[in-house]
Amino acid sequence: MILLAFALAALPAGGLGLQEAVPIPVVSLPVEAAHALLARLAAGATATVSLGSARSVPVADVGRVASFSSSGLAFDGRVKPDLVAPGVGLATSDPGASADGSPRFVTVNGSSAAAATVAGAAALLAQARPSLGADALKSLLVGTARTVAIDPVTAQGSGTVDVGAAVAGEIAASPATLALGRSSGAGWRVKASFTLTNLSTRPVRATIGVRTQDEGAAAVDFRLSPHRVLLQPGQSVLVRVNALTASAPSGSSTAGGTIVASVDGGGGVHVPWAIAFGRDGVDLIARATLSAKSFKASDVTPALLSIDAGRVLGVAGRPEIRPLQLLDVDLWRADGTRVGLLARLRDVLPGRYTFGLTGRDPAGRLLPPGEYVVKLVGYPVEGRPLSRRRLPFTLR
């Protein structure tokens, strides 16, 4: 497409009498803007023209986690994300300078911008409390975040980062979030624990309780030990968590909330938790194919093994990622003799993975012609059941 820019203030867009056989879009620009545009083009620089005056528009997700932000549980069932931060319409400097030499400023959106905000908060916290290590700094940032009332724990973690509260925090929890896993139904139990540490210079008394924010598909009962602690400066205590699915699940919504350690006099720390429900035993190898069932050994044109691993399921109206903890590609002879492990992938997100079968064994030696079998084994995060595929082929 060709864009003609004319510095004629009285010429409306489309005002040139061009033949219909040669459709060329025409935009009229003010004289000053047209001269600035032509000057940049003449200098070899790129230029962009924005039509219409700048105006402010409301942000649809204001006060909520942005729709483009990922949600769900981590590979080990731990709450993800740990916390959230502003990531829509953030003002930032833009590389380069304006025509008059002044700096340029733009707004940006995205989880990368939110991550930069948290990184800045972490830097401020480290500056304010230089004696703390990375684990304590993380715990304070996560444990003192402000809860977003509307969004589930699986979307916000502990809530919105609050560096002021983190600087004033007296106790820290490690780990900062809990991995409770996926319930198999009524009567399912799980045990977990975390350590509370007094980071202040005074004795601290705290009361420990459970807050459920998202009821989920079933009722969950908790038993904590201890419920009340007195921590001297620098002292730690192990808090044991026992959770029980107290009713049969109805649906697949994830239950979530926080374990709260409230300090006498104000402040404290909260540890996000979540328990997933829904289908278990999902086959996490959706498809596996070989480009050829009979081929010669070749390092240049190998046979291609394609595997669709992992799943994205709809759970309670939201997409849920079911990754694989491990994916093994094992080579066997047709007589049942194992040749060896060709590949092992860890923390496999849903997607298509392709391998080249060159006709060599795991040590790189050429295999003799014969009948072979590629066995695929996928290990889900929850442990069982495994996903398996078996693909026979002939090496000529």
Protein backbone atom coordinates (compact mmCIF):
# COMPACT_ATOMS: atom_id res chain seq x y z
CA MET A 1 0.00 0.00 0.00
CA ILE A 2 1.17 3.55 -0.80
CA LEU A 3 0.39 6.45 1.48
CA LEU A 4 0.54 9.94 0.03
CA ALA A 5 0.88 12.72 2.60
CA PHE A 6 0.10 16.20 1.42
CA ALA A 7 0.74 19.38 3.36
CA LEU A 8 -2.38 21.09 2.08
CA ALA A 9 -4.63 22.09 4.91
CA ALA A 10 -7.65 22.70 2.66
CA LEU A 11 -7.52 19.28 0.96
CA PRO A 12 -9.92 16.72 2.46
CA ALA A 13 -9.04 13.06 2.53
CA GLY A 14 -9.89 11.46 -0.83
CA GLY A 15 -9.99 14.85 -2.50
CA LEU A 16 -7.62 13.98 -5.37
CA GLY A 17 -9.20 12.98 -8.67
CA LEU A 18 -7.41 9.62 -9.09
CA GLN A 19 -8.73 6.97 -11.42
CA GLU A 20 -10.62 4.13 -9.78
CA ALA A 21 -8.27 1.63 -11.45
CA VAL A 22 -5.46 2.86 -9.21
CA PRO A 23 -6.89 3.02 -5.65
CA ILE A 24 -4.42 4.93 -3.48
CA PRO A 25 -5.34 5.94 0.07
CA VAL A 26 -4.86 9.61 0.73
CA VAL A 27 -4.63 11.34 4.12
CA SER A 28 -4.44 15.10 4.61
CA LEU A 29 -2.10 16.32 7.34
CA PRO A 30 -1.47 19.70 8.94
CA VAL A 31 1.52 21.50 7.43
CA GLU A 32 3.67 21.19 10.56
CA ALA A 33 3.00 17.47 10.92
CA ALA A 34 3.66 16.83 7.23
CA HIS A 35 7.01 18.67 7.31
CA ALA A 36 8.08 16.74 10.42
CA LEU A 37 7.08 13.45 8.77
CA LEU A 38 8.95 14.21 5.54
CA ALA A 39 12.03 15.30 7.47
CA ARG A 40 12.18 12.01 9.36
CA LEU A 41 11.67 9.98 6.20
CA ALA A 42 14.41 11.95 4.43
CA ALA A 43 16.76 11.15 7.31
CA GLY A 44 16.08 7.44 6.91
CA ALA A 45 14.10 7.13 10.14
CA THR A 46 10.78 5.38 10.53
CA ALA A 47 7.71 7.50 11.20
CA THR A 48 4.19 6.81 12.39
CA VAL A 49 1.12 9.00 11.99
CA SER A 50 -1.70 8.77 14.51
CA LEU A 51 -5.08 9.98 13.25
CA GLY A 52 -7.34 11.74 15.70
CA SER A 53 -6.64 13.55 18.92
CA ALA A 54 -5.40 11.65 21.93
CA ARG A 55 -8.04 10.80 24.49
CA SER A 56 -8.35 8.77 27.65
CA VAL A 57 -10.46 5.61 27.68
CA PRO A 58 -11.49 3.58 30.72
CA VAL A 59 -9.63 0.32 31.41
CA ALA A 60 -12.11 -2.56 31.37
CA ASP A 61 -10.18 -4.60 33.94
CA VAL A 62 -9.52 -1.76 36.38
CA GLY A 63 -9.22 -3.12 39.91
CA ARG A 64 -8.98 -6.69 38.62
CA VAL A 65 -6.35 -9.05 37.27
CA ALA A 66 -5.92 -8.30 33.55
CA SER A 67 -7.55 -10.77 31.18
CA PHE A 68 -4.21 -11.45 29.42
CA SER A 69 -2.49 -12.51 32.66
CA SER A 70 -1.98 -16.26 33.06
CA SER A 71 -3.65 -18.16 35.87
CA GLY A 72 -3.77 -21.64 37.32
CA LEU A 73 -1.40 -23.82 39.31
CA ALA A 74 2.33 -24.39 38.89
CA PHE A 75 3.86 -27.73 37.91
CA ASP A 76 3.97 -28.91 41.51
CA GLY A 77 0.42 -27.75 42.29
CA ARG A 78 1.63 -24.57 43.99
CA VAL A 79 -0.39 -21.37 43.56
CA LYS A 80 0.71 -19.40 40.49
CA PRO A 81 1.31 -16.47 40.25
CA ASP A 82 2.78 -15.64 43.66
CA LEU A 83 1.38 -12.11 43.46
CA VAL A 84 0.28 -9.51 40.93
CA ALA A 85 1.23 -5.94 40.06
CA PRO A 86 -0.08 -3.17 37.78
CA GLY A 87 0.52 -4.06 34.12
CA VAL A 88 -1.94 -1.98 32.08
CA GLY A 89 -1.25 1.56 30.87
CA LEU A 90 2.07 1.92 32.68
CA ALA A 91 4.00 5.07 31.76
CA THR A 92 7.57 4.44 30.65
CA SER A 93 10.31 6.09 28.63
CA ASP A 94 10.69 5.15 24.95
CA PRO A 95 14.13 4.64 23.34
CA GLY A 96 15.21 7.61 21.28
CA ALA A 97 14.09 11.20 21.48
CA SER A 98 11.48 13.49 20.01
CA ALA A 99 12.25 15.76 17.07
CA ASP A 100 13.11 18.60 19.46
CA GLY A 101 15.48 16.37 21.46
CA SER A 102 13.22 15.92 24.46
CA PRO A 103 12.68 12.40 25.86
CA ARG A 104 9.68 10.41 24.73
CA PHE A 105 7.22 8.69 27.04
CA VAL A 106 4.71 5.98 26.17
CA THR A 107 2.40 3.59 27.97
CA VAL A 108 2.87 -0.18 27.94
CA ASN A 109 0.74 -3.20 28.80
CA GLY A 110 1.66 -6.76 29.69
CA SER A 111 2.83 -9.19 32.33
CA SER A 112 6.43 -8.17 31.51
CA ALA A 113 5.61 -4.64 32.66
CA ALA A 114 4.05 -6.06 35.83
CA ALA A 115 7.18 -8.16 36.44
CA ALA A 116 9.30 -5.03 36.14
CA THR A 117 7.08 -3.34 38.72
CA VAL A 118 7.63 -6.22 41.15
CA ALA A 119 11.36 -6.16 40.45
CA GLY A 120 11.41 -2.48 41.37
CA ALA A 121 9.48 -3.24 44.56
CA ALA A 122 11.97 -5.99 45.42
CA ALA A 123 14.87 -3.57 44.89
CA LEU A 124 13.27 -1.02 47.21
CA LEU A 125 12.63 -3.69 49.84
CA ALA A 126 16.22 -4.96 49.62
CA GLN A 127 17.46 -1.39 50.04
CA ALA A 128 15.24 -0.81 53.06
CA ARG A 129 16.11 -4.17 54.68
CA PRO A 130 19.62 -5.06 53.51
CA SER A 131 20.13 -7.76 56.15
CA LEU A 132 17.46 -10.06 54.66
CA GLY A 133 18.15 -12.84 52.19
CA ALA A 134 16.28 -13.59 48.97
CA ASP A 135 13.85 -16.06 50.58
CA ALA A 136 12.83 -13.59 53.31
CA LEU A 137 12.46 -10.76 50.78
CA LYS A 138 10.20 -12.92 48.61
CA SER A 139 8.14 -13.99 51.59
CA LEU A 140 7.58 -10.40 52.68
CA LEU A 141 6.52 -9.32 49.18
CA VAL A 142 4.12 -12.25 48.80
CA GLY A 143 2.91 -12.42 52.37
CA THR A 144 2.00 -8.73 52.72
CA ALA A 145 0.32 -8.27 49.33
CA ARG A 146 -3.20 -6.80 49.26
CA THR A 147 -5.94 -9.27 48.28
CA VAL A 148 -7.97 -8.51 45.15
CA ALA A 149 -11.46 -9.32 46.37
CA ILE A 150 -13.02 -10.14 42.99
CA ASP A 151 -10.44 -12.51 41.50
CA PRO A 152 -9.67 -16.12 42.54
CA VAL A 153 -6.44 -17.09 44.27
CA THR A 154 -5.36 -18.99 41.15
CA ALA A 155 -5.35 -15.70 39.22
CA GLN A 156 -3.86 -13.33 41.82
CA GLY A 157 -1.82 -15.46 44.21
CA SER A 158 -1.44 -13.46 47.39
CA GLY A 159 -2.72 -10.24 45.81
CA THR A 160 -1.29 -6.88 44.70
CA VAL A 161 2.28 -6.11 45.73
CA ASP A 162 2.48 -3.56 48.58
CA VAL A 163 6.10 -2.58 49.14
CA GLY A 164 5.22 -0.34 52.11
CA ALA A 165 3.64 -3.24 53.98
CA ALA A 166 6.56 -5.47 53.03
CA VAL A 167 9.08 -3.00 54.48
CA ALA A 168 7.14 -2.98 57.76
CA GLY A 169 6.65 -6.78 57.85
CA GLU A 170 7.83 -8.56 61.01
CA ILE A 171 7.35 -12.24 60.12
CA ALA A 172 8.03 -14.27 56.98
CA ALA A 173 6.75 -17.64 55.73
CA SER A 174 8.74 -20.15 53.72
CA PRO A 175 7.62 -21.40 51.26
CA ALA A 176 5.60 -18.33 50.35
CA THR A 177 2.80 -20.40 48.75
CA LEU A 178 1.56 -23.96 49.33
CA ALA A 179 1.26 -26.89 46.94
CA LEU A 180 -1.77 -28.94 48.02
CA GLY A 181 -2.47 -30.74 44.73
CA ARG A 182 -5.65 -32.19 43.20
CA SER A 183 -8.38 -33.77 45.29
CA SER A 184 -9.57 -37.24 44.23
CA GLY A 185 -12.93 -36.86 46.03
CA ALA A 186 -14.56 -36.97 49.45
CA GLY A 187 -12.15 -38.13 52.15
CA TRP A 188 -9.04 -37.05 50.22
CA ARG A 189 -6.34 -35.77 52.56
CA VAL A 190 -3.12 -33.86 52.10
CA LYS A 191 -0.37 -32.67 54.43
CA ALA A 192 1.89 -29.66 54.00
CA SER A 193 3.94 -27.31 56.13
CA PHE A 194 5.69 -23.96 56.13
CA THR A 195 8.11 -22.15 58.43
CA LEU A 196 7.32 -18.87 60.20
CA THR A 197 10.32 -16.72 61.11
CA ASN A 198 10.47 -13.57 63.23
CA LEU A 199 12.42 -10.96 61.23
CA SER A 200 12.00 -8.16 63.78
CA THR A 201 14.04 -7.18 66.82
CA ARG A 202 11.23 -7.81 69.33
CA PRO A 203 9.27 -10.89 70.48
CA VAL A 204 6.21 -11.42 68.30
CA ARG A 205 2.97 -13.21 69.14
CA ALA A 206 0.84 -14.41 66.23
CA THR A 207 -2.42 -16.27 65.74
CA ILE A 208 -2.63 -18.68 62.79
CA GLY A 209 -5.88 -19.39 60.95
CA VAL A 210 -7.32 -20.29 57.54
CA ARG A 211 -9.23 -17.96 55.25
CA THR A 212 -11.17 -19.50 52.34
CA GLN A 213 -11.69 -17.07 49.48
CA ASP A 214 -12.92 -19.45 46.76
CA GLU A 215 -15.21 -22.24 47.97
CA GLY A 216 -14.52 -24.44 44.96
CA ALA A 217 -16.23 -27.69 44.03
CA ALA A 218 -16.22 -29.20 47.55
CA ALA A 219 -15.92 -28.24 51.19
CA VAL A 220 -12.38 -28.38 52.58
CA ASP A 221 -11.60 -28.70 56.29
CA PHE A 222 -8.24 -27.62 57.71
CA ARG A 223 -6.35 -28.50 60.86
CA LEU A 224 -3.36 -26.33 61.78
CA SER A 225 -0.69 -26.90 64.38
CA PRO A 226 0.15 -24.70 66.21
CA HIS A 227 -2.64 -22.10 66.28
CA ARG A 228 -0.75 -19.61 68.43
CA VAL A 229 2.98 -18.87 68.54
CA LEU A 230 5.44 -16.66 70.41
CA LEU A 231 8.58 -16.04 68.39
CA GLN A 232 11.72 -14.45 69.78
CA PRO A 233 13.82 -12.32 67.40
CA GLY A 234 15.24 -14.60 64.70
CA GLN A 235 13.29 -17.64 65.94
CA SER A 236 11.39 -19.96 63.57
CA VAL A 237 8.53 -22.43 64.01
CA LEU A 238 7.17 -25.12 61.69
CA VAL A 239 3.43 -24.83 61.00
CA ARG A 240 1.79 -28.11 59.94
CA VAL A 241 -1.22 -28.03 57.63
CA ASN A 242 -3.67 -30.93 57.23
CA ALA A 243 -6.47 -30.54 54.67
CA LEU A 244 -9.45 -32.86 54.11
CA THR A 245 -11.99 -32.83 51.28
CA ALA A 246 -15.10 -33.01 53.44
CA SER A 247 -17.72 -33.51 50.71
CA ALA A 248 -18.09 -35.01 47.26
CA PRO A 249 -17.00 -32.50 44.57
CA SER A 250 -19.75 -30.80 42.61
CA GLY A 251 -18.12 -29.49 39.47
CA SER A 252 -14.47 -28.67 38.95
CA SER A 253 -13.91 -25.20 40.46
CA THR A 254 -10.64 -24.84 42.35
CA ALA A 255 -10.85 -24.05 46.08
CA GLY A 256 -8.44 -21.39 47.27
CA GLY A 257 -7.59 -19.05 50.08
CA THR A 258 -4.79 -18.14 52.47
CA ILE A 259 -3.35 -19.29 55.76
CA VAL A 260 -3.01 -16.11 57.81
CA ALA A 261 -0.54 -15.49 60.63
CA SER A 262 -1.86 -12.33 62.33
CA VAL A 263 0.57 -10.48 64.60
CA ASP A 264 -0.80 -9.07 67.85
CA GLY A 265 -1.05 -5.32 67.42
CA GLY A 266 -1.33 -5.43 63.62
CA GLY A 267 0.36 -6.80 60.56
CA GLY A 268 1.20 -10.37 59.70
CA VAL A 269 1.71 -12.62 56.72
CA HIS A 270 -0.58 -14.76 54.56
CA VAL A 271 0.29 -17.89 52.57
CA PRO A 272 -1.89 -18.66 49.52
CA TRP A 273 -3.19 -22.21 49.00
CA ALA A 274 -5.32 -23.93 46.38
CA ILE A 275 -6.84 -27.38 45.92
CA ALA A 276 -7.82 -28.41 42.40
CA PHE A 277 -10.76 -30.63 41.50
CA GLY A 278 -11.99 -32.01 38.21
CA ARG A 279 -11.07 -34.91 36.00
CA ASP A 280 -8.10 -36.99 37.00
CA GLY A 281 -6.46 -39.60 34.85
CA VAL A 282 -6.57 -37.47 31.68
CA ASP A 283 -4.43 -38.89 28.86
CA LEU A 284 -1.69 -36.27 28.47
CA ILE A 285 -0.30 -37.64 25.21
CA ALA A 286 -3.04 -36.65 22.81
CA ARG A 287 -1.27 -37.78 19.65
CA ALA A 288 2.02 -39.37 18.56
CA THR A 289 3.07 -40.13 14.97
CA LEU A 290 6.11 -41.17 12.94
CA SER A 291 6.67 -39.59 9.54
CA ALA A 292 7.75 -43.01 8.20
CA LYS A 293 7.29 -46.53 9.52
CA SER A 294 10.24 -47.83 7.52
CA PHE A 295 13.40 -45.82 6.87
CA LYS A 296 17.18 -45.95 6.58
CA ALA A 297 19.58 -44.52 9.14
CA SER A 298 20.40 -40.92 8.24
CA ASP A 299 21.76 -37.93 10.11
CA VAL A 300 20.57 -35.62 7.32
CA THR A 301 16.99 -36.79 6.74
CA PRO A 302 15.82 -38.45 9.95
CA ALA A 303 12.33 -39.81 10.49
CA LEU A 304 10.28 -37.32 12.47
CA LEU A 305 8.55 -38.29 15.70
CA SER A 306 5.80 -35.78 16.58
CA ILE A 307 4.16 -35.78 20.00
CA ASP A 308 1.22 -33.67 21.18
CA ALA A 309 1.90 -33.59 24.91
CA GLY A 310 -0.06 -31.99 27.74
CA ARG A 311 -3.59 -30.63 27.61
CA VAL A 312 -5.50 -27.39 28.00
CA LEU A 313 -8.87 -28.16 29.61
CA GLY A 314 -11.86 -26.00 30.35
CA VAL A 315 -12.38 -25.96 34.13
CA ALA A 316 -15.15 -23.85 35.65
CA GLY A 317 -15.18 -21.58 32.61
CA ARG A 318 -11.42 -20.95 32.65
CA PRO A 319 -8.62 -22.67 30.72
CA GLU A 320 -6.53 -25.00 32.88
CA ILE A 321 -3.11 -26.23 31.80
CA ARG A 322 -2.29 -29.88 32.45
CA PRO A 323 1.48 -30.19 31.92
CA LEU A 324 3.72 -33.22 32.15
CA GLN A 325 6.37 -33.47 34.82
CA LEU A 326 8.43 -35.75 32.57
CA LEU A 327 8.19 -37.08 29.00
CA ASP A 328 10.42 -40.05 28.17
CA VAL A 329 11.23 -41.22 24.64
CA ASP A 330 12.53 -44.79 25.00
CA LEU A 331 13.84 -47.12 22.29
CA TRP A 332 13.23 -50.88 22.36
CA ARG A 333 13.79 -53.77 19.98
CA ALA A 334 10.71 -55.65 18.83
CA ASP A 335 11.81 -58.72 20.83
CA GLY A 336 11.39 -56.75 24.09
CA THR A 337 15.06 -55.81 24.60
CA ARG A 338 15.53 -52.23 25.74
CA VAL A 339 18.03 -50.16 23.74
CA GLY A 340 17.95 -47.05 25.91
CA LEU A 341 16.51 -43.62 26.62
CA LEU A 342 16.64 -41.34 23.57
CA ALA A 343 15.27 -38.19 25.22
CA ARG A 344 13.78 -36.94 28.48
CA LEU A 345 11.92 -33.64 28.71
CA ARG A 346 11.08 -32.02 32.04
CA ASP A 347 8.25 -29.60 32.89
CA VAL A 348 6.52 -30.10 29.55
CA LEU A 349 3.89 -27.47 28.75
CA PRO A 350 1.08 -28.38 26.33
CA GLY A 351 2.29 -28.30 22.74
CA ARG A 352 3.74 -30.29 19.87
CA TYR A 353 7.26 -31.66 20.29
CA THR A 354 9.23 -33.12 17.38
CA PHE A 355 12.27 -35.41 17.49
CA GLY A 356 14.46 -36.79 14.71
CA LEU A 357 15.10 -40.56 14.66
CA THR A 358 18.45 -40.93 12.92
CA GLY A 359 18.91 -44.68 13.36
CA ARG A 360 21.43 -44.26 16.15
CA ASP A 361 21.27 -45.51 19.74
CA PRO A 362 21.50 -43.20 22.79
CA ALA A 363 25.31 -43.44 22.66
CA GLY A 364 25.39 -42.31 19.01
CA ARG A 365 26.21 -45.69 17.50
CA LEU A 366 24.45 -46.83 14.32
CA LEU A 367 21.77 -49.40 14.98
CA PRO A 368 21.66 -52.59 12.93
CA PRO A 369 18.68 -52.96 10.59
CA GLY A 370 15.66 -54.58 12.19
CA GLU A 371 12.36 -54.05 13.96
CA TYR A 372 12.17 -51.44 16.73
CA VAL A 373 9.61 -49.73 18.94
CA VAL A 374 9.57 -46.19 20.31
CA LYS A 375 7.83 -46.12 23.69
CA LEU A 376 6.57 -42.81 25.06
CA VAL A 377 5.83 -42.37 28.74
CA GLY A 378 4.30 -39.17 30.13
CA TYR A 379 4.42 -38.51 33.89
CA PRO A 380 1.74 -36.07 35.10
CA VAL A 381 2.41 -33.63 37.91
CA GLU A 382 0.01 -35.46 40.23
CA GLY A 383 1.97 -38.71 39.82
CA ARG A 384 -0.60 -41.14 38.35
CA PRO A 385 -1.80 -42.48 35.98
CA LEU A 386 0.91 -42.43 33.35
CA SER A 387 0.24 -41.67 29.68
CA ARG A 388 1.77 -44.15 27.21
CA ARG A 389 2.19 -44.63 23.46
CA ARG A 390 3.91 -47.36 21.43
CA LEU A 391 5.13 -46.71 17.86
CA PRO A 392 6.78 -49.60 15.94
CA PHE A 393 9.07 -48.97 12.97
CA THR A 394 11.51 -50.81 10.70
CA LEU A 395 15.11 -49.70 10.25
CA ARG A 396 16.27 -50.80 6.81
